[in-house]
């Protein structure tokens, strides 16, 4: 049996925890052990213990961009609370910085932005998941990317906690040190026209509701957009829109989304992904790169 960090209480650890309910697509197996360290110090001690025992660690945020394998996730699956630290709001000359917990929902920064009369992060409205996940994958839309408004992130490692600035990033990826866990995110936003900001968010959310299957279990965009192309258009071009394997389906609304029709497995989803990649590669020579994060063990 996998040994647990001695610093954690029994309430902070649970074995064989099903993970499908914790992901937005609602598929996948169980975690060998789920850990919920109650304090930042407990998180650091957990990471240190995992490093000393060569135990794999998976960080599970909001589960919005995550595909868990049907055979489960070995080692420790760590879930961060949303209240490790008090939120901080610091006013500057032309705006403010918001220092928020990585375990908080992305919606939290949008709520505070509006309450403080700030603008600049409208593109985050409606994106599911946590702020830590948004920082780690540079979440965004065609209207903007998270790291353009993130001033710094706090990271936990086996050595302790520390703030980091100047991280390099690119489309849907931020270069974080291996094994580091985001614990807080600091946003720098400016003051502006809040009514105009709200109108932009309302228009964007209305567009998403018309064009994306938000009412069905999904994990958002499946593939990143290749340079000069849209993944959804390429998949639709090879006539896979609406195609299903088992209980997973390439959405009839947006071909770069896969939905769970009820009872889908991770194997259904990965077979659909592989089929889309194969068909697009054969037809266009373009290789589709998954945006979704796969964790755990998958059926062959």
Protein backbone atom coordinates (compact mmCIF):
# COMPACT_ATOMS: atom_id res chain seq x y z
CA UNK A 1 0.00 0.00 0.00
CA UNK A 2 1.30 3.45 -0.92
CA UNK A 3 2.66 5.19 2.21
CA UNK A 4 1.18 8.59 3.06
CA UNK A 5 3.02 11.75 4.11
CA UNK A 6 3.30 11.55 7.91
CA UNK A 7 2.49 15.26 8.22
CA UNK A 8 -1.07 14.82 6.88
CA UNK A 9 -4.09 13.88 8.97
CA UNK A 10 -6.41 11.05 7.89
CA UNK A 11 -8.98 13.66 6.86
CA UNK A 12 -6.52 15.03 4.29
CA UNK A 13 -6.06 11.72 2.45
CA UNK A 14 -8.42 9.34 0.68
CA UNK A 15 -7.55 6.15 -1.19
CA UNK A 16 -9.17 4.92 -4.43
CA UNK A 17 -11.10 8.14 -4.96
CA UNK A 18 -13.11 8.21 -8.24
CA UNK A 19 -11.97 11.17 -10.32
CA UNK A 20 -14.60 11.26 -13.07
CA UNK A 21 -16.95 13.43 -10.96
CA UNK A 22 -14.12 15.94 -10.50
CA UNK A 23 -13.60 16.51 -14.22
CA UNK A 24 -15.85 18.48 -16.54
CA UNK A 25 -16.02 15.65 -19.10
CA UNK A 26 -16.99 13.13 -16.38
CA UNK A 27 -14.83 10.18 -17.49
CA UNK A 28 -11.85 8.29 -16.07
CA UNK A 29 -10.80 5.99 -13.26
CA UNK A 30 -9.82 6.47 -9.63
CA UNK A 31 -6.84 8.08 -7.95
CA UNK A 32 -4.60 5.77 -5.97
CA UNK A 33 -4.57 8.45 -3.26
CA UNK A 34 -6.18 11.90 -3.22
CA UNK A 35 -4.49 14.39 -0.90
CA UNK A 36 -5.96 17.70 0.26
CA UNK A 37 -3.15 19.41 2.22
CA UNK A 38 -4.90 21.88 4.51
CA UNK A 39 -2.07 24.44 4.65
CA UNK A 40 0.74 25.63 2.36
CA UNK A 41 3.28 24.08 4.76
CA UNK A 42 1.45 20.75 4.48
CA UNK A 43 1.62 21.04 0.68
CA UNK A 44 5.38 21.65 0.76
CA UNK A 45 5.85 18.71 3.13
CA UNK A 46 3.77 16.54 0.78
CA UNK A 47 5.90 17.49 -2.22
CA UNK A 48 9.08 16.81 -0.22
CA UNK A 49 7.80 13.40 0.89
CA UNK A 50 6.82 12.53 -2.68
CA UNK A 51 10.27 13.48 -3.96
CA UNK A 52 11.99 11.45 -1.24
CA UNK A 53 9.85 8.37 -1.97
CA UNK A 54 9.76 8.76 -5.78
CA UNK A 55 5.97 8.96 -5.67
CA UNK A 56 4.36 10.58 -8.74
CA UNK A 57 2.29 13.70 -8.06
CA UNK A 58 -0.63 14.92 -10.16
CA UNK A 59 -2.21 18.29 -9.48
CA UNK A 60 -5.94 18.38 -10.14
CA UNK A 61 -7.43 21.83 -10.44
CA UNK A 62 -10.98 22.34 -11.65
CA UNK A 63 -10.74 19.36 -13.99
CA UNK A 64 -11.87 21.50 -16.91
CA UNK A 65 -9.05 20.64 -19.29
CA UNK A 66 -8.23 17.19 -17.95
CA UNK A 67 -8.74 13.68 -19.30
CA UNK A 68 -8.23 10.98 -16.66
CA UNK A 69 -7.30 7.51 -17.90
CA UNK A 70 -9.72 4.63 -17.32
CA UNK A 71 -7.03 2.72 -15.38
CA UNK A 72 -6.71 5.51 -12.84
CA UNK A 73 -3.95 7.79 -11.60
CA UNK A 74 -1.02 6.29 -9.67
CA UNK A 75 0.65 8.04 -6.74
CA UNK A 76 -0.68 11.21 -5.16
CA UNK A 77 -3.39 13.33 -6.76
CA UNK A 78 -3.32 16.70 -5.01
CA UNK A 79 -6.33 18.98 -4.79
CA UNK A 80 -5.72 22.51 -3.49
CA UNK A 81 -8.31 24.44 -1.47
CA UNK A 82 -9.42 27.91 -2.51
CA UNK A 83 -8.60 29.53 0.84
CA UNK A 84 -4.91 28.91 1.52
CA UNK A 85 -4.26 32.64 1.81
CA UNK A 86 -6.35 35.80 2.27
CA UNK A 87 -7.03 37.57 -1.01
CA UNK A 88 -5.08 40.79 -1.50
CA UNK A 89 -6.05 43.88 -3.49
CA UNK A 90 -3.38 46.54 -3.92
CA UNK A 91 -4.22 49.80 -5.68
CA UNK A 92 -1.71 51.35 -8.09
CA UNK A 93 -1.79 54.64 -9.95
CA UNK A 94 -3.75 53.42 -12.95
CA UNK A 95 -5.14 50.13 -11.69
CA UNK A 96 -4.64 47.42 -9.11
CA UNK A 97 -3.07 44.05 -8.46
CA UNK A 98 -5.19 41.12 -7.30
CA UNK A 99 -3.42 38.32 -5.45
CA UNK A 100 -5.65 35.25 -5.43
CA UNK A 101 -5.49 31.59 -4.48
CA UNK A 102 -4.58 29.15 -7.24
CA UNK A 103 -7.43 26.88 -6.10
CA UNK A 104 -10.03 29.60 -6.72
CA UNK A 105 -12.26 29.45 -9.78
CA UNK A 106 -11.22 31.57 -12.77
CA UNK A 107 -14.53 33.37 -12.33
CA UNK A 108 -13.17 34.92 -9.12
CA UNK A 109 -10.81 37.28 -10.94
CA UNK A 110 -13.66 38.41 -13.21
CA UNK A 111 -15.90 39.09 -10.20
CA UNK A 112 -13.23 41.16 -8.45
CA UNK A 113 -12.30 42.95 -11.66
CA UNK A 114 -15.85 44.25 -12.00
CA UNK A 115 -16.17 45.08 -8.30
CA UNK A 116 -12.96 47.12 -8.32
CA UNK A 117 -13.69 49.01 -11.55
CA UNK A 118 -10.92 47.24 -13.45
CA UNK A 119 -10.65 45.97 -17.02
CA UNK A 120 -8.32 43.81 -19.08
CA UNK A 121 -9.25 40.21 -18.25
CA UNK A 122 -12.59 40.04 -20.09
CA UNK A 123 -11.42 37.05 -22.13
CA UNK A 124 -11.34 34.92 -18.95
CA UNK A 125 -15.10 35.26 -18.42
CA UNK A 126 -16.80 31.91 -18.88
CA UNK A 127 -13.62 29.83 -18.90
CA UNK A 128 -14.01 26.97 -16.39
CA UNK A 129 -11.27 25.71 -14.11
CA UNK A 130 -9.01 27.25 -11.47
CA UNK A 131 -6.62 30.18 -11.50
CA UNK A 132 -3.66 27.86 -11.00
CA UNK A 133 -4.65 25.93 -14.09
CA UNK A 134 -5.16 29.16 -16.01
CA UNK A 135 -1.61 30.23 -15.16
CA UNK A 136 -0.06 26.82 -15.87
CA UNK A 137 -1.65 26.43 -19.31
CA UNK A 138 -1.86 30.14 -20.22
CA UNK A 139 -5.62 29.80 -20.61
CA UNK A 140 -7.45 32.14 -22.94
CA UNK A 141 -9.46 32.68 -26.08
CA UNK A 142 -8.90 34.45 -29.38
CA UNK A 143 -9.32 37.70 -27.41
CA UNK A 144 -6.44 37.22 -24.95
CA UNK A 145 -4.19 35.01 -22.82
CA UNK A 146 -3.94 34.70 -19.05
CA UNK A 147 -0.22 35.37 -18.82
CA UNK A 148 -0.59 38.79 -20.42
CA UNK A 149 -2.39 39.97 -17.25
CA UNK A 150 -0.54 37.80 -14.70
CA UNK A 151 2.26 39.70 -12.99
CA UNK A 152 3.66 36.84 -10.88
CA UNK A 153 2.91 33.37 -9.57
CA UNK A 154 3.76 31.78 -6.26
CA UNK A 155 5.11 28.26 -6.52
CA UNK A 156 5.40 25.44 -4.02
CA UNK A 157 8.32 23.01 -4.38
CA UNK A 158 9.90 20.50 -2.00
CA UNK A 159 12.17 23.38 -0.92
CA UNK A 160 9.37 25.76 0.06
CA UNK A 161 7.25 28.61 -1.30
CA UNK A 162 8.41 31.48 -3.48
CA UNK A 163 7.18 34.08 -5.94
CA UNK A 164 8.36 33.97 -9.56
CA UNK A 165 8.13 36.69 -12.20
CA UNK A 166 9.15 36.87 -15.83
CA UNK A 167 7.96 33.38 -16.77
CA UNK A 168 8.09 32.58 -20.45
CA UNK A 169 4.89 31.42 -22.09
CA UNK A 170 3.35 30.61 -25.42
CA UNK A 171 0.04 29.50 -26.84
CA UNK A 172 -1.67 27.39 -24.15
CA UNK A 173 1.52 26.76 -22.17
CA UNK A 174 3.57 28.42 -19.44
CA UNK A 175 7.12 27.29 -18.69
CA UNK A 176 6.95 26.36 -15.00
CA UNK A 177 9.78 24.58 -13.17
CA UNK A 178 9.33 20.80 -13.18
CA UNK A 179 7.35 19.60 -10.19
CA UNK A 180 6.35 23.10 -9.05
CA UNK A 181 2.76 23.73 -7.97
CA UNK A 182 1.09 27.11 -8.39
CA UNK A 183 -0.35 28.29 -5.05
CA UNK A 184 -1.17 31.95 -5.75
CA UNK A 185 -1.57 34.12 -8.84
CA UNK A 186 -1.09 37.90 -8.99
CA UNK A 187 -3.02 39.76 -11.68
CA UNK A 188 -2.22 43.32 -12.75
CA UNK A 189 -5.25 45.08 -14.22
CA UNK A 190 -5.99 48.65 -15.22
CA UNK A 191 -8.88 50.97 -14.59
CA UNK A 192 -11.28 51.52 -17.45
CA UNK A 193 -14.83 51.60 -18.74
CA UNK A 194 -16.59 48.88 -16.74
CA UNK A 195 -19.78 49.11 -18.82
CA UNK A 196 -17.83 48.54 -22.02
CA UNK A 197 -15.96 45.68 -20.35
CA UNK A 198 -19.23 44.04 -19.32
CA UNK A 199 -20.64 44.42 -22.83
CA UNK A 200 -17.60 42.62 -24.26
CA UNK A 201 -18.03 39.75 -21.80
CA UNK A 202 -21.77 39.49 -22.45
CA UNK A 203 -21.20 39.35 -26.21
CA UNK A 204 -18.47 36.74 -25.90
CA UNK A 205 -20.52 34.53 -23.56
CA UNK A 206 -23.56 34.75 -25.85
CA UNK A 207 -21.38 33.70 -28.79
CA UNK A 208 -20.00 30.72 -26.87
CA UNK A 209 -23.47 29.56 -25.87
CA UNK A 210 -24.51 29.58 -29.54
CA UNK A 211 -21.44 27.80 -30.86
CA UNK A 212 -20.16 25.51 -28.07
CA UNK A 213 -21.82 22.53 -26.32
CA UNK A 214 -21.65 24.07 -22.86
CA UNK A 215 -24.69 22.11 -21.62
CA UNK A 216 -22.98 18.72 -22.14
CA UNK A 217 -20.00 17.25 -20.24
CA UNK A 218 -16.84 18.28 -22.10
CA UNK A 219 -13.30 19.52 -21.50
CA UNK A 220 -13.33 22.47 -23.86
CA UNK A 221 -11.14 22.64 -26.93
CA UNK A 222 -9.53 19.29 -27.67
CA UNK A 223 -6.72 20.47 -29.96
CA UNK A 224 -4.73 23.68 -30.23
CA UNK A 225 -5.26 25.66 -33.41
CA UNK A 226 -2.42 25.00 -35.88
CA UNK A 227 -0.77 28.19 -37.22
CA UNK A 228 -3.06 29.72 -39.83
CA UNK A 229 -5.85 27.19 -39.24
CA UNK A 230 -8.69 26.34 -36.88
CA UNK A 231 -8.72 22.79 -35.51
CA UNK A 232 -12.52 22.63 -35.56
CA UNK A 233 -12.67 23.61 -39.24
CA UNK A 234 -10.07 20.97 -40.13
CA UNK A 235 -12.02 18.24 -38.30
CA UNK A 236 -15.25 19.34 -39.93
CA UNK A 237 -13.49 19.33 -43.31
CA UNK A 238 -12.82 15.58 -42.95
CA UNK A 239 -16.51 15.01 -42.10
CA UNK A 240 -16.09 13.98 -38.47
CA UNK A 241 -18.42 16.55 -36.95
CA UNK A 242 -21.03 14.57 -35.00
CA UNK A 243 -19.05 11.31 -35.26
CA UNK A 244 -19.22 9.13 -32.16
CA UNK A 245 -17.32 6.22 -30.67
CA UNK A 246 -19.07 4.51 -27.81
CA UNK A 247 -20.71 7.26 -25.78
CA UNK A 248 -18.30 10.01 -26.77
CA UNK A 249 -19.08 12.31 -29.67
CA UNK A 250 -17.35 15.04 -31.65
CA UNK A 251 -19.80 17.83 -30.99
CA UNK A 252 -22.41 18.74 -33.59
CA UNK A 253 -21.97 22.38 -32.53
CA UNK A 254 -18.18 22.66 -32.61
CA UNK A 255 -15.93 19.99 -34.11
CA UNK A 256 -13.01 20.81 -31.78
CA UNK A 257 -15.07 19.75 -28.77
CA UNK A 258 -15.78 16.19 -27.62
CA UNK A 259 -18.83 15.61 -25.44
CA UNK A 260 -19.84 12.79 -23.12
CA UNK A 261 -23.30 11.58 -24.17
CA UNK A 262 -23.59 9.62 -20.93
CA UNK A 263 -21.44 6.70 -19.90
CA UNK A 264 -18.45 7.57 -22.09
CA UNK A 265 -15.00 6.24 -21.19
CA UNK A 266 -11.59 7.82 -21.57
CA UNK A 267 -10.91 5.09 -24.15
CA UNK A 268 -13.87 6.33 -26.23
CA UNK A 269 -12.46 9.85 -26.06
CA UNK A 270 -8.88 8.95 -26.95
CA UNK A 271 -10.04 6.88 -29.92
CA UNK A 272 -12.01 9.86 -31.21
CA UNK A 273 -8.98 12.10 -30.75
CA UNK A 274 -6.74 9.65 -32.61
CA UNK A 275 -9.25 9.34 -35.43
CA UNK A 276 -9.46 13.12 -35.85
CA UNK A 277 -5.67 13.40 -35.90
CA UNK A 278 -5.36 10.60 -38.46
CA UNK A 279 -8.03 11.95 -40.81
CA UNK A 280 -6.72 15.52 -40.70
CA UNK A 281 -3.13 14.35 -41.18
CA UNK A 282 -4.09 12.23 -44.21
CA UNK A 283 -6.18 14.97 -45.79
CA UNK A 284 -4.03 18.03 -45.11
CA UNK A 285 -0.64 16.97 -43.75
CA UNK A 286 -1.36 18.99 -40.60
CA UNK A 287 -0.70 17.39 -37.23
CA UNK A 288 -3.25 18.28 -34.58
CA UNK A 289 -1.73 18.79 -31.13
CA UNK A 290 -3.91 17.98 -28.08
CA UNK A 291 -4.70 20.89 -25.80
CA UNK A 292 -6.31 18.66 -23.19
CA UNK A 293 -4.06 17.36 -20.41
CA UNK A 294 -4.03 13.55 -20.12
CA UNK A 295 -3.27 12.13 -16.68
CA UNK A 296 -3.06 8.59 -15.40
CA UNK A 297 -3.08 5.25 -17.18
CA UNK A 298 -5.01 4.63 -20.39
CA UNK A 299 -6.15 1.49 -22.13
CA UNK A 300 -4.00 0.67 -25.20
